[in-house]
Amino acid sequence: MTLVPSLADLASLFTLVPNDPNAYGGIGSRETPADVCSDMTRIATALEARGFRLRSGGAGGADLAFENGTSKPDQREIYIPWKGFNGSDSPYFPARANETAIEAEIEHIRDSFDPRQPVQPLGRPMTPVEITARAQLIAAAFHPAWDRCSQGAKKLHTRNVHQDLGMDLMTPSRFVICWTKDGGPTGGTGQAIRIAQAHGIRVLNLHNSFVRTGVRRALGL
């Protein structure tokens, strides 16, 4: 059952927190209705004006609707599965790394890394290989049929991890605003929703008309 947030709750959620990335996930189905996409664009504009950073994925539908509502490149993180995805010029894509090195790192940490718990710092910046290996393990843990996914699909699901947890996997989004066709964790967006919920990140699904109205009212739209 979806809990309907109060206006006071949303007002608090949409208030910047000191010393926090103040990032949010703006995502959803490629099949998001046009009127919802219009709201997403307006929501992104309002949140950017308040100082929030958008995290999205460059896909058609909801992703581009959120991205189109932003105007400041330094206040958006568009995570794409590979360079040039869907014509995007975003710099937020996995660094080229030897797949063998990534697989070796996965095997190295598989028994000690819990993909359902917050990623712990190593005491130094993680390398691109270390980040990608951990992101893939997180993606695999939350996908119902990971072994049946193509390599391209795995890359798409892995980029969802960063939408929730940031490039370093240790700076979670404050909340996620999305749309899915049934209001639940379904489709590709469902992967991001499951990861967000497991990490205590609020999910506001605009499929719920009360949530959608509440978000608009809280942002003065």
Foldseek 3Di string as FASTA:
>chain_A
DDDQDDLVRLLVLLADDPPAQQEEEFEEDLPADPVVLQLLLVLLLLSVVNPHAYEYALDHDRRVSNVNNDDDPVRYQHAYLDQCVVNDNGPRYQDDDDPVLLVVLLVVCVVPDDLLDQDDDPVDQDDSSNQQSSLLVNLVVQDPCVVPDDPVVSSLSSSLCCSAQNSSNPRGHQAYEYEYPVQALDDSNSSNVSSCVSVVHHYQYVVPVSSSVSSCVSSVD
